[in-house]
Amino acid sequence: MKHPRHIAFPALAMLVLSACQQPAPTETTAPAASAAAVATAPSDVALLAQGEYMIRMGGCNDCHTPEYADKAGEVPKDQWLTGSPIGFHGPWGTTYPANLRLKLAEMDESAWLKYSAELHTRPIMPDFQLRAMKEQDRLAIFRFIKSLGPAGQPAPAYLPPGQKPSPPVWELELPPGPPPQAPAAG
């Protein structure tokens, strides 16, 4: 009998969380506690699987992997997260999805954890979602992307407001504000 994926991930998450519930080591139990911590720490395989899941469910590929949405997610992993030449143009200027594989190639784990915890970018990147993630989730994302290795070219540079981007680009217009309200009769 196959188990649905929506059950498998919570089960994996519970297993990972249970590994965090180790008692504090004391002088008499330090060696045993240390060995137990190593035995119950998430394995690299578990972190990679969690990272891939976070990338898929977080929608990272939607922008950072060329043609991902066009191909309904059927893009080989060796092509994932290489950035995109498609710009997003709006009142903030024009932004391009970064090549995450090249970006993370420049970082170690501690640099990524600090960077991702403090990330503030321009639209349309939902940086608030990354900042809100648990450190373990951000570490899993880092490990998964690093496992793919560097590939591709850097994304085009940001263009400030007033500069016309070259195609391809999504033009994002803000809707007009609400109409002014008439003064109340009195």
Protein backbone atom coordinates (compact mmCIF):
# COMPACT_ATOMS: atom_id res chain seq x y z
CA MET A 1 0.00 0.00 0.00
CA LYS A 2 1.40 3.40 -1.01
CA HIS A 3 1.38 6.23 1.53
CA PRO A 4 0.36 9.68 0.28
CA ARG A 5 3.16 12.24 0.17
CA HIS A 6 1.25 14.56 2.49
CA ILE A 7 1.60 11.94 5.20
CA ALA A 8 5.21 11.01 4.44
CA PHE A 9 6.61 14.51 4.99
CA PRO A 10 4.95 15.06 8.39
CA ALA A 11 6.22 11.64 9.44
CA LEU A 12 9.74 12.60 8.35
CA ALA A 13 9.36 15.95 10.14
CA MET A 14 8.28 14.21 13.35
CA LEU A 15 11.30 11.91 13.11
CA VAL A 16 13.61 14.90 12.64
CA LEU A 17 11.96 16.81 15.49
CA SER A 18 12.18 13.83 17.81
CA ALA A 19 15.95 13.87 17.24
CA CYS A 20 16.01 17.35 18.79
CA GLN A 21 14.50 16.14 22.08
CA GLN A 22 17.75 14.85 23.61
CA PRO A 23 18.37 15.44 27.33
CA ALA A 24 21.09 17.93 28.24
CA PRO A 25 24.42 16.11 28.76
CA THR A 26 25.85 15.84 32.23
CA GLU A 27 29.39 14.91 33.25
CA THR A 28 28.41 11.27 33.74
CA THR A 29 26.33 10.97 30.58
CA ALA A 30 28.26 13.23 28.18
CA PRO A 31 29.89 10.44 26.11
CA ALA A 32 26.62 8.49 25.85
CA ALA A 33 24.62 11.64 25.08
CA SER A 34 27.16 12.71 22.47
CA ALA A 35 26.95 9.33 20.74
CA ALA A 36 23.14 9.44 20.88
CA ALA A 37 23.09 12.93 19.36
CA VAL A 38 25.25 11.79 16.45
CA ALA A 39 23.05 8.74 15.92
CA THR A 40 19.79 10.77 15.88
CA ALA A 41 20.93 13.89 13.98
CA PRO A 42 19.25 14.20 10.59
CA SER A 43 21.31 12.40 8.00
CA ASP A 44 22.54 14.10 4.87
CA VAL A 45 20.02 12.01 2.93
CA ALA A 46 17.18 13.30 5.14
CA LEU A 47 18.39 16.92 4.84
CA LEU A 48 18.67 16.63 1.05
CA ALA A 49 15.16 15.19 0.82
CA GLN A 50 13.83 17.93 3.09
CA GLY A 51 15.64 20.58 1.02
CA GLU A 52 14.22 19.26 -2.23
CA TYR A 53 10.75 19.22 -0.68
CA MET A 54 11.13 22.81 0.57
CA ILE A 55 12.28 23.96 -2.89
CA ARG A 56 9.33 22.23 -4.58
CA MET A 57 6.67 23.36 -2.10
CA GLY A 58 8.11 26.84 -1.65
CA GLY A 59 7.76 27.51 -5.38
CA CYS A 60 11.46 28.38 -5.78
CA ASN A 61 11.60 26.65 -9.17
CA ASP A 62 8.66 28.69 -10.47
CA CYS A 63 10.93 31.71 -10.90
CA HIS A 64 14.49 30.42 -10.45
CA THR A 65 14.27 27.52 -12.95
CA PRO A 66 13.75 28.40 -16.62
CA GLU A 67 10.61 26.85 -18.17
CA TYR A 68 9.62 25.08 -14.93
CA ALA A 69 6.02 26.32 -14.96
CA ASP A 70 5.74 25.91 -18.75
CA LYS A 71 6.70 22.24 -18.41
CA ALA A 72 4.49 21.62 -15.35
CA GLY A 73 7.54 20.93 -13.20
CA GLU A 74 8.98 18.33 -15.57
CA VAL A 75 12.47 19.81 -15.68
CA PRO A 76 15.50 17.62 -14.85
CA LYS A 77 17.09 18.52 -11.50
CA ASP A 78 20.40 19.30 -13.21
CA GLN A 79 18.61 22.33 -14.73
CA TRP A 80 17.00 23.56 -11.50
CA LEU A 81 17.67 26.93 -9.86
CA THR A 82 19.96 28.40 -12.53
CA GLY A 83 18.14 31.75 -12.57
CA SER A 84 16.12 33.27 -15.34
CA PRO A 85 16.52 35.92 -18.03
CA ILE A 86 12.82 36.82 -17.63
CA GLY A 87 12.55 40.08 -15.73
CA PHE A 88 9.78 41.32 -13.47
CA HIS A 89 9.18 45.00 -14.17
CA GLY A 90 7.17 47.27 -11.90
CA PRO A 91 7.41 50.51 -9.90
CA TRP A 92 10.55 49.15 -8.14
CA GLY A 93 12.42 48.69 -11.45
CA THR A 94 13.20 45.31 -13.02
CA THR A 95 14.36 42.30 -11.04
CA TYR A 96 15.54 38.93 -12.29
CA PRO A 97 15.43 35.59 -10.46
CA ALA A 98 18.97 34.86 -9.26
CA ASN A 99 21.00 31.82 -10.18
CA LEU A 100 20.83 30.23 -6.72
CA ARG A 101 23.40 27.57 -7.59
CA LEU A 102 26.03 30.22 -8.32
CA LYS A 103 24.91 32.37 -5.37
CA LEU A 104 25.24 29.52 -2.87
CA ALA A 105 28.53 28.35 -4.37
CA GLU A 106 29.99 31.55 -2.86
CA MET A 107 28.73 30.72 0.66
CA ASP A 108 29.33 28.27 3.45
CA GLU A 109 26.52 27.10 5.76
CA SER A 110 26.96 29.81 8.38
CA ALA A 111 27.06 32.57 5.75
CA TRP A 112 23.87 31.19 4.12
CA LEU A 113 22.04 30.89 7.44
CA LYS A 114 22.87 34.51 8.29
CA TYR A 115 22.07 35.76 4.77
CA SER A 116 18.76 33.90 4.52
CA ALA A 117 17.66 34.97 8.03
CA GLU A 118 18.19 38.65 7.16
CA LEU A 119 17.28 38.66 3.45
CA HIS A 120 15.38 41.71 2.18
CA THR A 121 15.02 41.85 -1.61
CA ARG A 122 12.99 43.67 -4.22
CA PRO A 123 9.70 42.30 -5.53
CA ILE A 124 8.66 39.70 -6.53
CA MET A 125 10.83 37.51 -4.30
CA PRO A 126 8.86 36.52 -1.19
CA ASP A 127 11.86 37.04 1.12
CA PHE A 128 9.56 37.13 4.15
CA GLN A 129 8.86 33.42 3.63
CA LEU A 130 12.55 32.55 3.73
CA ARG A 131 13.12 34.69 6.84
CA ALA A 132 10.18 32.97 8.57
CA MET A 133 11.57 29.46 8.00
CA LYS A 134 13.18 27.48 10.75
CA GLU A 135 16.95 27.31 10.60
CA GLN A 136 16.73 23.55 9.94
CA ASP A 137 14.61 24.21 6.83
CA ARG A 138 17.02 26.86 5.54
CA LEU A 139 19.93 24.49 6.18
CA ALA A 140 18.13 21.76 4.22
CA ILE A 141 17.61 24.17 1.31
CA PHE A 142 21.29 25.09 1.39
CA ARG A 143 22.44 21.47 1.41
CA PHE A 144 20.10 20.53 -1.45
CA ILE A 145 21.15 23.44 -3.67
CA LYS A 146 24.84 22.82 -2.91
CA SER A 147 24.36 19.15 -3.86
CA LEU A 148 23.30 20.27 -7.35
CA GLY A 149 26.64 22.05 -7.85
CA PRO A 150 27.27 25.34 -9.64
CA ALA A 151 25.76 25.66 -13.13
CA GLY A 152 24.51 28.25 -15.57
CA GLN A 153 25.16 31.96 -15.88
CA PRO A 154 24.42 34.82 -13.50
CA ALA A 155 21.00 36.40 -13.93
CA PRO A 156 20.85 39.85 -15.56
CA ALA A 157 21.51 42.76 -13.22
CA TYR A 158 18.71 44.73 -11.54
CA LEU A 159 17.45 47.76 -13.46
CA PRO A 160 16.27 50.76 -11.42
CA PRO A 161 12.94 52.51 -12.09
CA GLY A 162 12.89 54.46 -15.35
CA GLN A 163 15.17 52.08 -17.24
CA LYS A 164 13.43 50.08 -19.96
CA PRO A 165 14.26 46.35 -19.77
CA SER A 166 14.87 44.24 -22.84
CA PRO A 167 12.42 41.38 -23.41
CA PRO A 168 11.51 38.93 -22.07
CA VAL A 169 9.85 40.68 -19.15
CA TRP A 170 6.64 40.51 -17.16
CA GLU A 171 5.06 43.95 -16.83
CA LEU A 172 3.46 44.18 -13.40
CA GLU A 173 1.05 47.05 -12.95
CA LEU A 174 -0.49 47.99 -9.66
CA PRO A 175 -4.27 48.27 -9.66
CA PRO A 176 -5.69 51.75 -9.20
CA GLY A 177 -6.51 52.80 -5.69
CA PRO A 178 -10.09 52.93 -4.40
CA PRO A 179 -12.21 55.85 -5.64
CA PRO A 180 -12.45 58.84 -3.31
CA GLN A 181 -15.40 58.78 -0.97
CA ALA A 182 -18.02 61.52 -1.12
CA PRO A 183 -18.37 63.59 2.04
CA ALA A 184 -21.22 62.55 4.29
CA ALA A 185 -24.33 64.72 4.09
CA GLY A 186 -25.12 66.36 7.30
